[in-house]
All heavy atoms as atom14 arrays in JSON, in Angstrom:
{
  "sequence": "WERHGFRSGLLGTQNDPKVLQVVGLPETIDAVIHMPHTAVMERIL",
  "atom14_mask": [
    [1, 1, 1, 1, 1, 1, 1, 1, 1, 1, 1, 1, 1, 1],
    [1, 1, 1, 1, 1, 1, 1, 1, 1, 0, 0, 0, 0, 0],
    [1, 1, 1, 1, 1, 1, 1, 1, 1, 1, 1, 0, 0, 0],
    [1, 1, 1, 1, 1, 1, 1, 1, 1, 1, 0, 0, 0, 0],
    [1, 1, 1, 1, 0, 0, 0, 0, 0, 0, 0, 0, 0, 0],
    [1, 1, 1, 1, 1, 1, 1, 1, 1, 1, 1, 0, 0, 0],
    [1, 1, 1, 1, 1, 1, 1, 1, 1, 1, 1, 0, 0, 0],
    [1, 1, 1, 1, 1, 1, 0, 0, 0, 0, 0, 0, 0, 0],
    [1, 1, 1, 1, 0, 0, 0, 0, 0, 0, 0, 0, 0, 0],
    [1, 1, 1, 1, 1, 1, 1, 1, 0, 0, 0, 0, 0, 0],
    [1, 1, 1, 1, 1, 1, 1, 1, 0, 0, 0, 0, 0, 0],
    [1, 1, 1, 1, 0, 0, 0, 0, 0, 0, 0, 0, 0, 0],
    [1, 1, 1, 1, 1, 1, 1, 0, 0, 0, 0, 0, 0, 0],
    [1, 1, 1, 1, 1, 1, 1, 1, 1, 0, 0, 0, 0, 0],
    [1, 1, 1, 1, 1, 1, 1, 1, 0, 0, 0, 0, 0, 0],
    [1, 1, 1, 1, 1, 1, 1, 1, 0, 0, 0, 0, 0, 0],
    [1, 1, 1, 1, 1, 1, 1, 0, 0, 0, 0, 0, 0, 0],
    [1, 1, 1, 1, 1, 1, 1, 1, 1, 0, 0, 0, 0, 0],
    [1, 1, 1, 1, 1, 1, 1, 0, 0, 0, 0, 0, 0, 0],
    [1, 1, 1, 1, 1, 1, 1, 1, 0, 0, 0, 0, 0, 0],
    [1, 1, 1, 1, 1, 1, 1, 1, 1, 0, 0, 0, 0, 0],
    [1, 1, 1, 1, 1, 1, 1, 0, 0, 0, 0, 0, 0, 0],
    [1, 1, 1, 1, 1, 1, 1, 0, 0, 0, 0, 0, 0, 0],
    [1, 1, 1, 1, 0, 0, 0, 0, 0, 0, 0, 0, 0, 0],
    [1, 1, 1, 1, 1, 1, 1, 1, 0, 0, 0, 0, 0, 0],
    [1, 1, 1, 1, 1, 1, 1, 0, 0, 0, 0, 0, 0, 0],
    [1, 1, 1, 1, 1, 1, 1, 1, 1, 0, 0, 0, 0, 0],
    [1, 1, 1, 1, 1, 1, 1, 0, 0, 0, 0, 0, 0, 0],
    [1, 1, 1, 1, 1, 1, 1, 1, 0, 0, 0, 0, 0, 0],
    [1, 1, 1, 1, 1, 1, 1, 1, 0, 0, 0, 0, 0, 0],
    [1, 1, 1, 1, 1, 0, 0, 0, 0, 0, 0, 0, 0, 0],
    [1, 1, 1, 1, 1, 1, 1, 0, 0, 0, 0, 0, 0, 0],
    [1, 1, 1, 1, 1, 1, 1, 1, 0, 0, 0, 0, 0, 0],
    [1, 1, 1, 1, 1, 1, 1, 1, 1, 1, 0, 0, 0, 0],
    [1, 1, 1, 1, 1, 1, 1, 1, 0, 0, 0, 0, 0, 0],
    [1, 1, 1, 1, 1, 1, 1, 0, 0, 0, 0, 0, 0, 0],
    [1, 1, 1, 1, 1, 1, 1, 1, 1, 1, 0, 0, 0, 0],
    [1, 1, 1, 1, 1, 1, 1, 0, 0, 0, 0, 0, 0, 0],
    [1, 1, 1, 1, 1, 0, 0, 0, 0, 0, 0, 0, 0, 0],
    [1, 1, 1, 1, 1, 1, 1, 0, 0, 0, 0, 0, 0, 0],
    [1, 1, 1, 1, 1, 1, 1, 1, 0, 0, 0, 0, 0, 0],
    [1, 1, 1, 1, 1, 1, 1, 1, 1, 0, 0, 0, 0, 0],
    [1, 1, 1, 1, 1, 1, 1, 1, 1, 1, 1, 0, 0, 0],
    [1, 1, 1, 1, 1, 1, 1, 1, 0, 0, 0, 0, 0, 0],
    [1, 1, 1, 1, 1, 1, 1, 1, 0, 0, 0, 0, 0, 0]
  ],
  "atom14_positions": [
    [[-19.28, -35.31, 147.82], [-19.22, -34.22, 148.79], [-18.57, -32.98, 148.18], [-19.12, -31.89, 148.24], [-18.47, -34.66, 150.04], [-18.17, -33.55, 150.99], [-16.94, -33.08, 151.33], [-19.11, -32.76, 151.72], [-17.05, -32.04, 152.22], [-18.38, -31.82, 152.49], [-20.5, -32.73, 151.81], [-18.98, -30.89, 153.31], [-21.1, -31.8, 152.64], [-20.35, -30.9, 153.38]],
    [[-17.41, -33.15, 147.6], [-16.62, -31.99, 147.17], [-17.15, -31.32, 145.91], [-16.88, -30.15, 145.68], [-15.16, -32.4, 146.97], [-14.5, -32.76, 148.29], [-13.06, -33.19, 148.16], [-12.51, -33.2, 147.03], [-12.46, -33.52, 149.2], [0.0, 0.0, 0.0], [0.0, 0.0, 0.0], [0.0, 0.0, 0.0], [0.0, 0.0, 0.0], [0.0, 0.0, 0.0]],
    [[-17.92, -32.03, 145.09], [-18.45, -31.42, 143.86], [-19.94, -31.14, 143.9], [-20.44, -30.37, 143.09], [-18.14, -32.29, 142.66], [-16.66, -32.34, 142.36], [-16.42, -32.79, 140.97], [-14.99, -32.95, 140.73], [-14.51, -33.58, 139.7], [-15.3, -34.12, 138.82], [-13.21, -33.69, 139.55], [0.0, 0.0, 0.0], [0.0, 0.0, 0.0], [0.0, 0.0, 0.0]],
    [[-20.63, -31.8, 144.84], [-22.09, -31.67, 144.85], [-22.69, -31.42, 146.23], [-23.89, -31.2, 146.34], [-22.73, -32.91, 144.22], [-22.25, -33.16, 142.83], [-22.66, -32.43, 141.75], [-21.33, -34.05, 142.35], [-22.04, -32.85, 140.66], [-21.23, -33.84, 141.01], [0.0, 0.0, 0.0], [0.0, 0.0, 0.0], [0.0, 0.0, 0.0], [0.0, 0.0, 0.0]],
    [[-21.87, -31.48, 147.28], [-22.38, -31.21, 148.61], [-23.23, -32.3, 149.22], [-24.0, -32.05, 150.14], [0.0, 0.0, 0.0], [0.0, 0.0, 0.0], [0.0, 0.0, 0.0], [0.0, 0.0, 0.0], [0.0, 0.0, 0.0], [0.0, 0.0, 0.0], [0.0, 0.0, 0.0], [0.0, 0.0, 0.0], [0.0, 0.0, 0.0], [0.0, 0.0, 0.0]],
    [[-23.09, -33.52, 148.73], [-23.83, -34.64, 149.32], [-23.01, -35.27, 150.43], [-21.96, -35.86, 150.18], [-24.17, -35.7, 148.26], [-25.24, -35.27, 147.3], [-24.94, -34.99, 145.99], [-26.55, -35.14, 147.73], [-25.93, -34.59, 145.1], [-27.56, -34.73, 146.86], [-27.23, -34.45, 145.54], [0.0, 0.0, 0.0], [0.0, 0.0, 0.0], [0.0, 0.0, 0.0]],
    [[-23.5, -35.14, 151.65], [-22.81, -35.76, 152.79], [-22.96, -37.27, 152.7], [-23.99, -37.78, 152.32], [-23.39, -35.26, 154.11], [-23.05, -33.81, 154.38], [-23.56, -33.4, 155.75], [-23.37, -31.99, 155.97], [-22.39, -31.46, 156.71], [-21.52, -32.25, 157.3], [-22.3, -30.16, 156.86], [0.0, 0.0, 0.0], [0.0, 0.0, 0.0], [0.0, 0.0, 0.0]],
    [[-21.92, -37.96, 153.1], [-21.93, -39.41, 153.06], [-22.7, -39.97, 154.24], [-22.68, -39.43, 155.33], [-20.49, -39.92, 153.11], [-20.5, -41.33, 153.21], [0.0, 0.0, 0.0], [0.0, 0.0, 0.0], [0.0, 0.0, 0.0], [0.0, 0.0, 0.0], [0.0, 0.0, 0.0], [0.0, 0.0, 0.0], [0.0, 0.0, 0.0], [0.0, 0.0, 0.0]],
    [[-23.33, -41.08, 153.99], [-23.98, -41.8, 155.07], [-23.16, -43.0, 155.5], [-23.63, -43.82, 156.29], [0.0, 0.0, 0.0], [0.0, 0.0, 0.0], [0.0, 0.0, 0.0], [0.0, 0.0, 0.0], [0.0, 0.0, 0.0], [0.0, 0.0, 0.0], [0.0, 0.0, 0.0], [0.0, 0.0, 0.0], [0.0, 0.0, 0.0], [0.0, 0.0, 0.0]],
    [[-21.94, -43.1, 154.98], [-21.09, -44.26, 155.3], [-20.28, -44.01, 156.56], [-19.64, -42.97, 156.7], [-20.15, -44.58, 154.14], [-20.81, -45.0, 152.84], [-19.75, -45.25, 151.77], [-21.66, -46.24, 153.04], [0.0, 0.0, 0.0], [0.0, 0.0, 0.0], [0.0, 0.0, 0.0], [0.0, 0.0, 0.0], [0.0, 0.0, 0.0], [0.0, 0.0, 0.0]],
    [[-20.3, -44.98, 157.44], [-19.52, -44.9, 158.67], [-18.04, -44.73, 158.35], [-17.5, -45.43, 157.51], [-19.75, -46.17, 159.49], [-19.14, -46.2, 160.89], [-19.75, -45.11, 161.75], [-19.36, -47.56, 161.51], [0.0, 0.0, 0.0], [0.0, 0.0, 0.0], [0.0, 0.0, 0.0], [0.0, 0.0, 0.0], [0.0, 0.0, 0.0], [0.0, 0.0, 0.0]],
    [[-17.42, -43.77, 158.99], [-16.0, -43.55, 158.81], [-15.64, -42.59, 157.69], [-14.49, -42.21, 157.53], [0.0, 0.0, 0.0], [0.0, 0.0, 0.0], [0.0, 0.0, 0.0], [0.0, 0.0, 0.0], [0.0, 0.0, 0.0], [0.0, 0.0, 0.0], [0.0, 0.0, 0.0], [0.0, 0.0, 0.0], [0.0, 0.0, 0.0], [0.0, 0.0, 0.0]],
    [[-16.62, -42.18, 156.87], [-16.35, -41.25, 155.78], [-16.52, -39.83, 156.31], [-17.56, -39.5, 156.88], [-17.31, -41.49, 154.6], [-17.17, -42.84, 154.17], [-17.03, -40.54, 153.46], [0.0, 0.0, 0.0], [0.0, 0.0, 0.0], [0.0, 0.0, 0.0], [0.0, 0.0, 0.0], [0.0, 0.0, 0.0], [0.0, 0.0, 0.0], [0.0, 0.0, 0.0]],
    [[-15.5, -39.02, 156.14], [-15.51, -37.65, 156.64], [-15.96, -36.69, 155.54], [-15.55, -36.83, 154.39], [-14.13, -37.24, 157.14], [-13.63, -38.08, 158.3], [-14.52, -37.96, 159.52], [-14.92, -36.87, 159.9], [-14.85, -39.08, 160.13], [0.0, 0.0, 0.0], [0.0, 0.0, 0.0], [0.0, 0.0, 0.0], [0.0, 0.0, 0.0], [0.0, 0.0, 0.0]],
    [[-16.78, -35.73, 155.9], [-17.18, -34.66, 154.99], [-16.68, -33.36, 155.59], [-17.36, -32.75, 156.41], [-18.7, -34.63, 154.83], [-19.26, -35.94, 154.32], [-20.08, -36.56, 154.97], [-18.81, -36.38, 153.17], [0.0, 0.0, 0.0], [0.0, 0.0, 0.0], [0.0, 0.0, 0.0], [0.0, 0.0, 0.0], [0.0, 0.0, 0.0], [0.0, 0.0, 0.0]],
    [[-15.5, -32.94, 155.19], [-14.87, -31.76, 155.76], [-15.35, -30.5, 155.04], [-14.99, -30.28, 153.88], [-13.36, -31.88, 155.65], [-12.63, -30.73, 156.32], [-13.28, -29.85, 156.92], [-11.39, -30.73, 156.25], [0.0, 0.0, 0.0], [0.0, 0.0, 0.0], [0.0, 0.0, 0.0], [0.0, 0.0, 0.0], [0.0, 0.0, 0.0], [0.0, 0.0, 0.0]],
    [[-16.15, -29.64, 155.7], [-16.63, -28.41, 155.05], [-15.51, -27.46, 154.65], [-15.69, -26.63, 153.77], [-17.52, -27.77, 156.12], [-17.89, -28.86, 157.03], [-16.73, -29.82, 157.02], [0.0, 0.0, 0.0], [0.0, 0.0, 0.0], [0.0, 0.0, 0.0], [0.0, 0.0, 0.0], [0.0, 0.0, 0.0], [0.0, 0.0, 0.0], [0.0, 0.0, 0.0]],
    [[-14.34, -27.6, 155.27], [-13.23, -26.7, 154.95], [-12.74, -26.87, 153.51], [-12.14, -25.96, 152.95], [-12.08, -26.9, 155.93], [-12.43, -26.49, 157.35], [-11.24, -26.73, 158.29], [-11.73, -26.85, 159.7], [-11.63, -28.19, 160.25], [0.0, 0.0, 0.0], [0.0, 0.0, 0.0], [0.0, 0.0, 0.0], [0.0, 0.0, 0.0], [0.0, 0.0, 0.0]],
    [[-12.98, -28.03, 152.89], [-12.54, -28.23, 151.51], [-13.44, -27.51, 150.52], [-13.07, -27.32, 149.37], [-12.42, -29.73, 151.13], [-11.46, -30.46, 152.04], [-13.77, -30.4, 151.09], [0.0, 0.0, 0.0], [0.0, 0.0, 0.0], [0.0, 0.0, 0.0], [0.0, 0.0, 0.0], [0.0, 0.0, 0.0], [0.0, 0.0, 0.0], [0.0, 0.0, 0.0]],
    [[-14.62, -27.11, 150.97], [-15.56, -26.38, 150.13], [-15.41, -24.88, 150.38], [-14.99, -24.47, 151.45], [-17.0, -26.8, 150.44], [-17.3, -28.29, 150.31], [-18.68, -28.59, 150.85], [-17.16, -28.74, 148.88], [0.0, 0.0, 0.0], [0.0, 0.0, 0.0], [0.0, 0.0, 0.0], [0.0, 0.0, 0.0], [0.0, 0.0, 0.0], [0.0, 0.0, 0.0]],
    [[-15.78, -24.08, 149.43], [-15.71, -22.63, 149.61], [-17.07, -22.1, 150.03], [-17.58, -21.14, 149.45], [-15.23, -21.99, 148.32], [-13.9, -22.5, 147.89], [-13.02, -21.38, 147.38], [-13.43, -20.26, 147.22], [-11.77, -21.71, 147.16], [0.0, 0.0, 0.0], [0.0, 0.0, 0.0], [0.0, 0.0, 0.0], [0.0, 0.0, 0.0], [0.0, 0.0, 0.0]],
    [[-17.66, -22.74, 151.02], [-18.98, -22.36, 151.49], [-18.87, -21.99, 152.96], [-18.48, -22.81, 153.78], [-19.99, -23.51, 151.31], [-21.37, -23.11, 151.79], [-20.04, -23.93, 149.84], [0.0, 0.0, 0.0], [0.0, 0.0, 0.0], [0.0, 0.0, 0.0], [0.0, 0.0, 0.0], [0.0, 0.0, 0.0], [0.0, 0.0, 0.0], [0.0, 0.0, 0.0]],
    [[-19.2, -20.77, 153.28], [-19.12, -20.29, 154.65], [-20.37, -20.71, 155.41], [-21.48, -20.6, 154.89], [-19.0, -18.74, 154.67], [-19.03, -18.22, 156.08], [-17.74, -18.31, 153.96], [0.0, 0.0, 0.0], [0.0, 0.0, 0.0], [0.0, 0.0, 0.0], [0.0, 0.0, 0.0], [0.0, 0.0, 0.0], [0.0, 0.0, 0.0], [0.0, 0.0, 0.0]],
    [[-20.2, -21.21, 156.62], [-21.34, -21.5, 157.48], [-21.81, -22.94, 157.54], [-22.78, -23.23, 158.22], [0.0, 0.0, 0.0], [0.0, 0.0, 0.0], [0.0, 0.0, 0.0], [0.0, 0.0, 0.0], [0.0, 0.0, 0.0], [0.0, 0.0, 0.0], [0.0, 0.0, 0.0], [0.0, 0.0, 0.0], [0.0, 0.0, 0.0], [0.0, 0.0, 0.0]],
    [[-21.14, -23.84, 156.84], [-21.55, -25.25, 156.91], [-21.0, -25.88, 158.17], [-19.81, -25.76, 158.46], [-21.03, -26.04, 155.71], [-21.53, -25.66, 154.33], [-20.93, -26.6, 153.29], [-23.04, -25.69, 154.26], [0.0, 0.0, 0.0], [0.0, 0.0, 0.0], [0.0, 0.0, 0.0], [0.0, 0.0, 0.0], [0.0, 0.0, 0.0], [0.0, 0.0, 0.0]],
    [[-21.85, -26.56, 158.93], [-21.34, -27.23, 160.12], [-20.5, -28.46, 159.76], [-20.7, -29.06, 158.7], [-22.61, -27.65, 160.86], [-23.64, -27.77, 159.8], [-23.28, -26.77, 158.75], [0.0, 0.0, 0.0], [0.0, 0.0, 0.0], [0.0, 0.0, 0.0], [0.0, 0.0, 0.0], [0.0, 0.0, 0.0], [0.0, 0.0, 0.0], [0.0, 0.0, 0.0]],
    [[-19.58, -28.79, 160.63], [-18.73, -29.96, 160.38], [-19.56, -31.24, 160.38], [-19.34, -32.14, 159.59], [-17.64, -30.04, 161.44], [-16.57, -31.03, 161.1], [-15.37, -30.92, 162.03], [-14.93, -29.79, 162.31], [-14.87, -31.97, 162.46], [0.0, 0.0, 0.0], [0.0, 0.0, 0.0], [0.0, 0.0, 0.0], [0.0, 0.0, 0.0], [0.0, 0.0, 0.0]],
    [[-20.51, -31.3, 161.28], [-21.39, -32.47, 161.36], [-22.83, -32.01, 161.52], [-23.1, -30.9, 161.96], [-21.04, -33.38, 162.55], [-21.18, -32.63, 163.77], [-19.63, -33.94, 162.44], [0.0, 0.0, 0.0], [0.0, 0.0, 0.0], [0.0, 0.0, 0.0], [0.0, 0.0, 0.0], [0.0, 0.0, 0.0], [0.0, 0.0, 0.0], [0.0, 0.0, 0.0]],
    [[-23.74, -32.89, 161.17], [-25.17, -32.67, 161.39], [-25.55, -33.63, 162.52], [-25.49, -34.84, 162.36], [-26.0, -32.98, 160.13], [-25.49, -32.2, 158.91], [-27.47, -32.73, 160.38], [-25.68, -30.72, 158.96], [0.0, 0.0, 0.0], [0.0, 0.0, 0.0], [0.0, 0.0, 0.0], [0.0, 0.0, 0.0], [0.0, 0.0, 0.0], [0.0, 0.0, 0.0]],
    [[-25.89, -33.07, 163.67], [-26.04, -33.9, 164.87], [-27.48, -34.18, 165.31], [-27.71, -35.1, 166.07], [-25.29, -33.24, 166.04], [-23.8, -33.13, 165.75], [-23.23, -34.08, 165.2], [-23.23, -32.08, 166.07], [0.0, 0.0, 0.0], [0.0, 0.0, 0.0], [0.0, 0.0, 0.0], [0.0, 0.0, 0.0], [0.0, 0.0, 0.0], [0.0, 0.0, 0.0]],
    [[-28.42, -33.36, 164.9], [-29.8, -33.55, 165.33], [-30.67, -33.78, 164.1], [-31.0, -32.85, 163.38], [-30.29, -32.33, 166.12], [0.0, 0.0, 0.0], [0.0, 0.0, 0.0], [0.0, 0.0, 0.0], [0.0, 0.0, 0.0], [0.0, 0.0, 0.0], [0.0, 0.0, 0.0], [0.0, 0.0, 0.0], [0.0, 0.0, 0.0], [0.0, 0.0, 0.0]],
    [[-31.02, -35.04, 163.87], [-31.69, -35.42, 162.64], [-32.96, -36.21, 162.93], [-32.99, -37.05, 163.84], [-30.75, -36.28, 161.75], [-31.43, -36.7, 160.48], [-29.46, -35.54, 161.46], [0.0, 0.0, 0.0], [0.0, 0.0, 0.0], [0.0, 0.0, 0.0], [0.0, 0.0, 0.0], [0.0, 0.0, 0.0], [0.0, 0.0, 0.0], [0.0, 0.0, 0.0]],
    [[-34.01, -35.95, 162.13], [-35.2, -36.79, 162.14], [-35.41, -37.32, 160.73], [-34.87, -36.78, 159.77], [-36.47, -36.01, 162.61], [-36.74, -34.82, 161.69], [-36.35, -35.6, 164.04], [-38.06, -34.13, 161.98], [0.0, 0.0, 0.0], [0.0, 0.0, 0.0], [0.0, 0.0, 0.0], [0.0, 0.0, 0.0], [0.0, 0.0, 0.0], [0.0, 0.0, 0.0]],
    [[-36.2, -38.37, 160.61], [-36.48, -38.95, 159.3], [-37.49, -38.1, 158.56], [-38.28, -37.37, 159.16], [-37.02, -40.37, 159.45], [-36.01, -41.31, 160.03], [-34.94, -41.77, 159.32], [-35.91, -41.86, 161.26], [-34.22, -42.57, 160.08], [-34.79, -42.64, 161.27], [0.0, 0.0, 0.0], [0.0, 0.0, 0.0], [0.0, 0.0, 0.0], [0.0, 0.0, 0.0]],
    [[-37.5, -38.22, 157.25], [-38.52, -37.57, 156.43], [-39.87, -38.13, 156.86], [-39.98, -39.29, 157.26], [-38.29, -37.88, 154.95], [-37.04, -37.26, 154.36], [-37.17, -35.49, 154.13], [-38.24, -35.41, 152.71], [0.0, 0.0, 0.0], [0.0, 0.0, 0.0], [0.0, 0.0, 0.0], [0.0, 0.0, 0.0], [0.0, 0.0, 0.0], [0.0, 0.0, 0.0]],
    [[-40.93, -37.31, 156.77], [-42.27, -37.81, 157.11], [-42.68, -38.95, 156.17], [-42.19, -39.05, 155.05], [-43.16, -36.59, 156.89], [-42.25, -35.42, 156.97], [-40.92, -35.89, 156.46], [0.0, 0.0, 0.0], [0.0, 0.0, 0.0], [0.0, 0.0, 0.0], [0.0, 0.0, 0.0], [0.0, 0.0, 0.0], [0.0, 0.0, 0.0], [0.0, 0.0, 0.0]],
    [[-43.62, -39.76, 156.64], [-44.16, -40.86, 155.83], [-44.81, -40.29, 154.57], [-45.21, -39.13, 154.53], [-45.18, -41.67, 156.63], [-44.57, -42.43, 157.76], [-43.87, -43.6, 157.57], [-44.53, -42.17, 159.09], [-43.43, -44.03, 158.75], [-43.81, -43.17, 159.68], [0.0, 0.0, 0.0], [0.0, 0.0, 0.0], [0.0, 0.0, 0.0], [0.0, 0.0, 0.0]],
    [[-44.94, -41.12, 153.56], [-45.5, -40.71, 152.28], [-46.87, -40.07, 152.44], [-47.15, -39.02, 151.84], [-45.58, -41.91, 151.33], [-44.28, -42.47, 151.18], [-46.13, -41.51, 149.97], [0.0, 0.0, 0.0], [0.0, 0.0, 0.0], [0.0, 0.0, 0.0], [0.0, 0.0, 0.0], [0.0, 0.0, 0.0], [0.0, 0.0, 0.0], [0.0, 0.0, 0.0]],
    [[-47.73, -40.65, 153.25], [-49.08, -40.11, 153.43], [-49.03, -38.69, 154.01], [-49.82, -37.82, 153.63], [-49.91, -41.02, 154.33], [0.0, 0.0, 0.0], [0.0, 0.0, 0.0], [0.0, 0.0, 0.0], [0.0, 0.0, 0.0], [0.0, 0.0, 0.0], [0.0, 0.0, 0.0], [0.0, 0.0, 0.0], [0.0, 0.0, 0.0], [0.0, 0.0, 0.0]],
    [[-48.1, -38.44, 154.91], [-47.96, -37.11, 155.5], [-47.47, -36.12, 154.45], [-47.98, -35.0, 154.33], [-47.0, -37.15, 156.72], [-46.74, -35.75, 157.26], [-47.56, -38.06, 157.81], [0.0, 0.0, 0.0], [0.0, 0.0, 0.0], [0.0, 0.0, 0.0], [0.0, 0.0, 0.0], [0.0, 0.0, 0.0], [0.0, 0.0, 0.0], [0.0, 0.0, 0.0]],
    [[-46.47, -36.51, 153.67], [-45.94, -35.63, 152.62], [-47.03, -35.32, 151.6], [-47.16, -34.17, 151.15], [-44.73, -36.27, 151.94], [-43.52, -36.4, 152.85], [-42.91, -34.82, 153.47], [-42.24, -34.12, 151.98], [0.0, 0.0, 0.0], [0.0, 0.0, 0.0], [0.0, 0.0, 0.0], [0.0, 0.0, 0.0], [0.0, 0.0, 0.0], [0.0, 0.0, 0.0]],
    [[-47.83, -36.31, 151.23], [-48.92, -36.08, 150.27], [-49.93, -35.09, 150.84], [-50.42, -34.21, 150.13], [-49.59, -37.4, 149.9], [-48.72, -38.26, 149.01], [-49.29, -39.65, 148.78], [-50.26, -40.05, 149.49], [-48.75, -40.36, 147.9], [0.0, 0.0, 0.0], [0.0, 0.0, 0.0], [0.0, 0.0, 0.0], [0.0, 0.0, 0.0], [0.0, 0.0, 0.0]],
    [[-50.24, -35.22, 152.11], [-51.2, -34.3, 152.74], [-50.63, -32.87, 152.8], [-51.34, -31.91, 152.54], [-51.56, -34.79, 154.15], [-52.58, -33.94, 154.85], [-53.93, -33.97, 154.11], [-54.82, -33.06, 154.78], [-55.55, -32.13, 154.16], [-55.5, -32.03, 152.85], [-56.32, -31.33, 154.84], [0.0, 0.0, 0.0], [0.0, 0.0, 0.0], [0.0, 0.0, 0.0]],
    [[-49.36, -32.74, 153.11], [-48.72, -31.42, 153.13], [-48.82, -30.79, 151.74], [-49.18, -29.61, 151.61], [-47.25, -31.53, 153.58], [-47.18, -31.87, 155.06], [-46.48, -30.24, 153.29], [-45.79, -32.25, 155.55], [0.0, 0.0, 0.0], [0.0, 0.0, 0.0], [0.0, 0.0, 0.0], [0.0, 0.0, 0.0], [0.0, 0.0, 0.0], [0.0, 0.0, 0.0]],
    [[-48.53, -31.57, 150.69], [-48.63, -31.05, 149.33], [-50.05, -30.63, 148.98], [-50.27, -29.59, 148.35], [-48.11, -32.08, 148.33], [-46.6, -32.33, 148.37], [-46.23, -33.5, 147.46], [-45.84, -31.08, 147.97], [0.0, 0.0, 0.0], [0.0, 0.0, 0.0], [0.0, 0.0, 0.0], [0.0, 0.0, 0.0], [0.0, 0.0, 0.0], [0.0, 0.0, 0.0]]
  ]
}
């Protein structure tokens, strides 16, 4: 998180944006959908 900006997917692990020098990052990401299926991604490409 602190060196590469990868949010953790582990329960109980906090990703505090305040430790980064990046303005505008939300504390949490609350509305998420899964990546499209492979066939959909291939069609988009």
